[in-house]
Protein backbone atom coordinates (compact mmCIF):
# COMPACT_ATOMS: atom_id res chain seq x y z
CA MET A 1 91.51 83.02 65.87
CA ALA A 2 90.38 84.62 69.13
CA LYS A 3 92.69 84.14 72.12
CA ILE A 4 90.97 83.16 75.37
CA LEU A 5 92.70 83.42 78.75
CA VAL A 6 91.35 80.96 81.33
CA ILE A 7 92.13 81.92 84.95
CA GLU A 8 91.07 78.92 87.02
CA ASP A 9 92.74 77.22 89.98
CA ASP A 10 91.04 73.80 89.69
CA PRO A 11 93.34 71.78 87.38
CA LEU A 12 90.58 69.49 86.10
CA ILE A 13 88.28 72.38 85.18
CA ARG A 14 91.17 74.37 83.72
CA GLU A 15 92.36 71.50 81.54
CA THR A 16 88.80 70.65 80.47
CA LEU A 17 88.15 74.24 79.44
CA GLU A 18 91.44 74.44 77.58
CA TYR A 19 90.73 71.23 75.67
CA SER A 20 87.10 72.11 74.88
CA LEU A 21 87.80 75.69 73.80
CA LYS A 22 90.65 74.62 71.54
CA GLY A 23 88.23 72.13 70.02
CA ALA A 24 85.80 75.01 69.43
CA GLY A 25 88.45 76.86 67.43
CA PHE A 26 89.93 79.23 70.00
CA SER A 27 93.54 79.82 70.99
CA VAL A 28 93.79 79.24 74.74
CA ALA A 29 96.20 80.36 77.47
CA THR A 30 95.77 79.46 81.14
CA ALA A 31 96.69 80.70 84.59
CA GLU A 32 96.15 78.96 87.93
CA ASN A 33 95.97 81.87 90.38
CA GLY A 34 95.04 85.53 90.47
CA ILE A 35 98.51 87.04 90.32
CA GLN A 36 99.60 84.74 87.50
CA GLY A 37 96.38 85.55 85.69
CA LEU A 38 96.88 89.32 85.99
CA ASP A 39 100.41 88.97 84.61
CA ALA A 40 99.05 86.86 81.73
CA VAL A 41 96.56 89.58 80.85
CA LYS A 42 99.28 92.22 80.71
CA GLU A 43 101.70 90.07 78.71
CA GLY A 44 99.36 88.06 76.49
CA ASN A 45 96.76 90.64 75.40
CA PRO A 46 93.86 88.15 75.28
CA ASP A 47 90.67 88.78 73.31
CA LEU A 48 88.53 87.51 76.20
CA ILE A 49 89.08 86.42 79.82
CA LEU A 50 87.34 83.57 81.63
CA LEU A 51 87.84 84.48 85.26
CA ASP A 52 87.10 82.22 88.24
CA LEU A 53 86.21 84.14 91.41
CA LEU A 54 87.56 81.83 94.13
CA LEU A 55 91.25 82.06 93.25
CA PRO A 56 94.34 81.77 95.43
CA GLU A 57 96.81 84.66 95.77
CA MET A 58 94.24 87.22 94.51
CA ASP A 59 90.51 86.59 94.07
CA GLY A 60 88.65 87.13 90.83
CA PHE A 61 86.97 90.33 92.00
CA GLU A 62 90.34 91.96 92.60
CA VAL A 63 91.76 90.62 89.32
CA GLY A 64 88.81 92.07 87.41
CA LYS A 65 89.18 95.41 89.15
CA ARG A 66 92.88 95.60 88.33
CA VAL A 67 92.39 94.55 84.71
CA ARG A 68 89.95 97.41 84.24
CA GLU A 69 92.59 99.86 85.45
CA PHE A 70 94.59 99.31 82.26
CA ASP A 71 92.15 97.67 79.82
CA GLU A 72 88.57 98.90 79.59
CA ASN A 73 87.60 96.83 76.57
CA VAL A 74 88.63 93.17 76.94
CA PRO A 75 85.49 91.13 77.73
CA ILE A 76 85.51 89.38 81.11
CA ILE A 77 83.23 86.41 81.79
CA MET A 78 83.25 85.44 85.45
CA ILE A 79 82.89 81.71 86.11
CA THR A 80 82.09 80.64 89.65
CA ALA A 81 80.24 78.36 92.02
CA LEU A 82 79.03 81.42 93.94
CA GLU A 83 75.34 82.13 93.43
CA GLY A 84 73.13 85.03 94.39
CA GLN A 85 72.51 88.53 93.08
CA ARG A 86 74.98 90.13 95.49
CA ASN A 87 77.94 88.27 93.99
CA LYS A 88 76.73 89.00 90.46
CA LEU A 89 76.36 92.70 91.17
CA LYS A 90 79.79 92.79 92.78
CA GLY A 91 81.22 91.11 89.69
CA PHE A 92 79.63 93.64 87.37
CA SER A 93 80.77 96.50 89.61
CA VAL A 94 84.43 95.52 89.12
CA GLY A 95 84.13 95.26 85.34
CA ALA A 96 82.65 91.87 84.40
CA ASP A 97 80.71 91.73 81.13
CA ASP A 98 79.04 88.39 81.79
CA TYR A 99 78.61 85.82 84.55
CA ILE A 100 78.16 82.04 84.37
CA THR A 101 77.58 79.77 87.35
CA LYS A 102 79.06 76.29 87.74
CA PRO A 103 78.09 73.74 86.61
CA PHE A 104 77.59 74.90 83.03
CA SER A 105 77.71 73.27 79.62
CA ILE A 106 80.52 73.96 77.17
CA GLU A 107 77.88 74.79 74.57
CA GLU A 108 76.49 77.57 76.74
CA LEU A 109 79.96 78.88 77.53
CA VAL A 110 80.99 78.96 73.86
CA ALA A 111 77.75 80.79 73.01
CA ARG A 112 78.48 83.41 75.68
CA ILE A 113 82.08 83.78 74.49
CA ASN A 114 80.97 84.32 70.90
CA ALA A 115 78.29 86.83 71.94
CA ASN A 116 80.79 88.87 73.97
CA LEU A 117 83.41 88.77 71.21
CA LYS A 118 80.77 89.92 68.71
CA ARG A 119 79.77 92.85 70.92
CA THR A 120 83.41 93.84 71.30
CA LEU A 121 83.95 93.74 67.53
CA LYS A 122 80.88 95.90 66.95
CA LYS A 123 82.13 98.37 69.54
CA ALA A 124 85.56 98.51 67.89
CA ASN A 125 83.98 99.22 64.50
CA LYS A 126 81.67 101.95 65.74
CA PRO A 127 82.37 105.52 64.60
CA SER A 128 83.94 107.83 67.17
CA THR A 129 81.22 110.46 66.69
CA ILE A 130 77.50 110.47 65.96
CA GLU A 131 75.80 113.50 64.40
CA ILE A 132 72.04 113.84 64.00
CA GLY A 133 70.32 117.17 63.41
CA ASP A 134 72.21 119.62 65.63
CA LEU A 135 73.12 116.86 68.11
CA ARG A 136 76.72 115.64 68.22
CA LEU A 137 78.06 112.83 70.44
CA ASP A 138 81.78 112.19 70.82
CA LEU A 139 81.99 108.56 71.93
CA THR A 140 85.69 108.78 72.73
CA LYS A 141 85.52 111.87 74.91
CA HIS A 142 82.02 111.10 76.24
CA THR A 143 80.79 114.58 75.37
CA VAL A 144 77.50 115.83 73.95
CA GLU A 145 76.91 119.04 71.99
CA VAL A 146 73.59 120.52 70.93
CA ASN A 147 73.63 123.41 68.48
CA GLY A 148 77.31 123.91 69.34
CA LYS A 149 76.69 124.04 73.10
CA GLU A 150 78.22 121.34 75.30
CA ILE A 151 75.66 119.49 77.42
CA ARG A 152 76.59 117.63 80.59
CA LEU A 153 74.98 114.22 81.03
CA ARG A 154 75.42 111.60 83.71
CA LEU A 155 77.13 108.35 82.64
CA LYS A 156 73.94 106.28 82.30
CA GLU A 157 72.21 109.13 80.48
CA PHE A 158 75.09 109.32 78.02
CA GLN A 159 75.00 105.55 77.51
CA LEU A 160 71.25 105.55 76.90
CA LEU A 161 71.53 108.43 74.44
CA THR A 162 74.35 106.63 72.64
CA VAL A 163 72.29 103.45 72.24
CA LEU A 164 69.35 105.38 70.81
CA ALA A 165 71.48 107.62 68.57
CA SER A 166 73.48 104.69 67.21
CA GLU A 167 70.38 103.44 65.39
CA PRO A 168 68.15 106.41 64.50
CA GLY A 169 64.52 105.53 63.95
CA VAL A 170 64.84 102.10 65.57
CA LEU A 171 62.40 101.31 68.36
CA PHE A 172 64.00 100.13 71.61
CA THR A 173 61.88 98.58 74.33
CA ARG A 174 62.68 99.43 77.91
CA GLN A 175 64.08 95.91 78.29
CA ASP A 176 66.34 96.48 75.26
CA LEU A 177 67.70 99.64 76.84
CA ALA A 178 68.16 97.98 80.24
CA GLU A 179 70.15 95.16 78.64
CA ARG A 180 72.33 97.52 76.60
CA VAL A 181 73.12 99.93 79.44
CA TRP A 182 72.80 98.01 82.71
CA GLY A 183 73.54 94.48 81.46
CA TYR A 184 71.14 91.60 80.96
CA GLU A 185 71.82 90.09 84.40
CA PHE A 186 70.63 93.24 86.17
CA TYR A 187 67.61 94.98 84.72
CA ALA A 188 66.84 98.57 85.53
CA SER A 189 63.18 99.18 86.31
CA SER A 190 60.87 100.81 83.77
CA ARG A 191 60.62 103.81 86.08
CA THR A 192 64.41 104.16 86.12
CA ILE A 193 64.52 104.13 82.31
CA ASP A 194 61.70 106.70 82.07
CA VAL A 195 63.37 109.05 84.56
CA HIS A 196 66.66 108.92 82.66
CA ILE A 197 64.90 109.55 79.34
CA ARG A 198 63.09 112.60 80.75
CA ARG A 199 66.38 114.03 81.98
CA ILE A 200 68.03 113.49 78.60
CA ARG A 201 65.13 115.18 76.80
CA THR A 202 65.30 118.16 79.14
CA HIS A 203 69.03 118.59 78.65
CA ILE A 204 69.30 118.18 74.88
CA GLU A 205 65.99 119.58 73.61
CA GLU A 206 66.12 122.80 75.62
CA HIS A 207 68.83 124.16 73.33
CA SER A 208 67.71 122.59 70.06
CA LYS A 209 65.21 123.29 67.31
CA PHE A 210 64.66 119.54 67.06
CA SER A 211 62.85 117.03 69.20
CA TYR A 212 64.87 113.83 69.37
CA ILE A 213 63.59 111.12 71.70
CA HIS A 214 60.09 109.94 70.89
CA THR A 215 57.90 107.72 73.05
CA VAL A 216 56.06 104.88 71.35
CA HIS A 217 53.36 104.31 73.95
CA GLY A 218 53.26 100.84 75.38
CA LEU A 219 56.42 99.84 73.53
CA GLY A 220 59.46 102.03 74.21
CA TYR A 221 61.55 104.80 72.68
CA LYS A 222 63.24 105.77 69.44
CA LEU A 223 65.48 108.67 68.43
CA GLN A 224 65.10 110.71 65.28
CA ALA A 225 65.49 114.43 64.61
CA GLU A 226 62.19 116.20 63.93
CA GLU A 227 61.89 119.95 63.73
CA LYS A 228 59.76 121.18 66.60
CA SER A 229 57.64 123.39 64.34
CA LEU A 230 56.57 120.29 62.43
CA CYS A 231 55.71 118.09 65.40
CA GLU A 232 54.12 120.54 67.84
């Protein structure tokens, strides 16, 4: 049974969420302000956090930032009456995984909770390394080697390469990649994706006898190791 921590200062909303989420099969703990919520995260080790932004003592942005200082993996869904892209981007910048605006239905919230828990489980079950051809990714150390030579990639480049390498031969649209790397609330442009892909190709294929990232024109990209002599 997944344990959900609800950090919400409005007693009616807090109690409604607690009742509804218990009815949906979750274990639920609550906190009514930011400081109490941060303590509950440290002591209770929740599987997912529902975090209101307009909290007394310490706002949700600061709580999210501090949680990420000691826990990089617990999913955080921010719940708020604040609208607008600026607030969403600020939430994602301090570590939120998802964002839902009041008023919302319990059905939608439960769906988002389950989706985030599923992604976390998949992440936990992923291997720590990926090896394809002469390409090796260490997902724990965030390092890339090609033919035994370490290659330096920027964070988003590493994340894009990881998504593609995790499922060799699978076609990813640009939208798929934007959702996986930048988050579905904030899409990167097609140009941004293409620029990152070109940089990755330059870095990893310069030192390899394989070509890895292949463009499927009009659709997107896929990764598979093909010897250059066979595809040139």
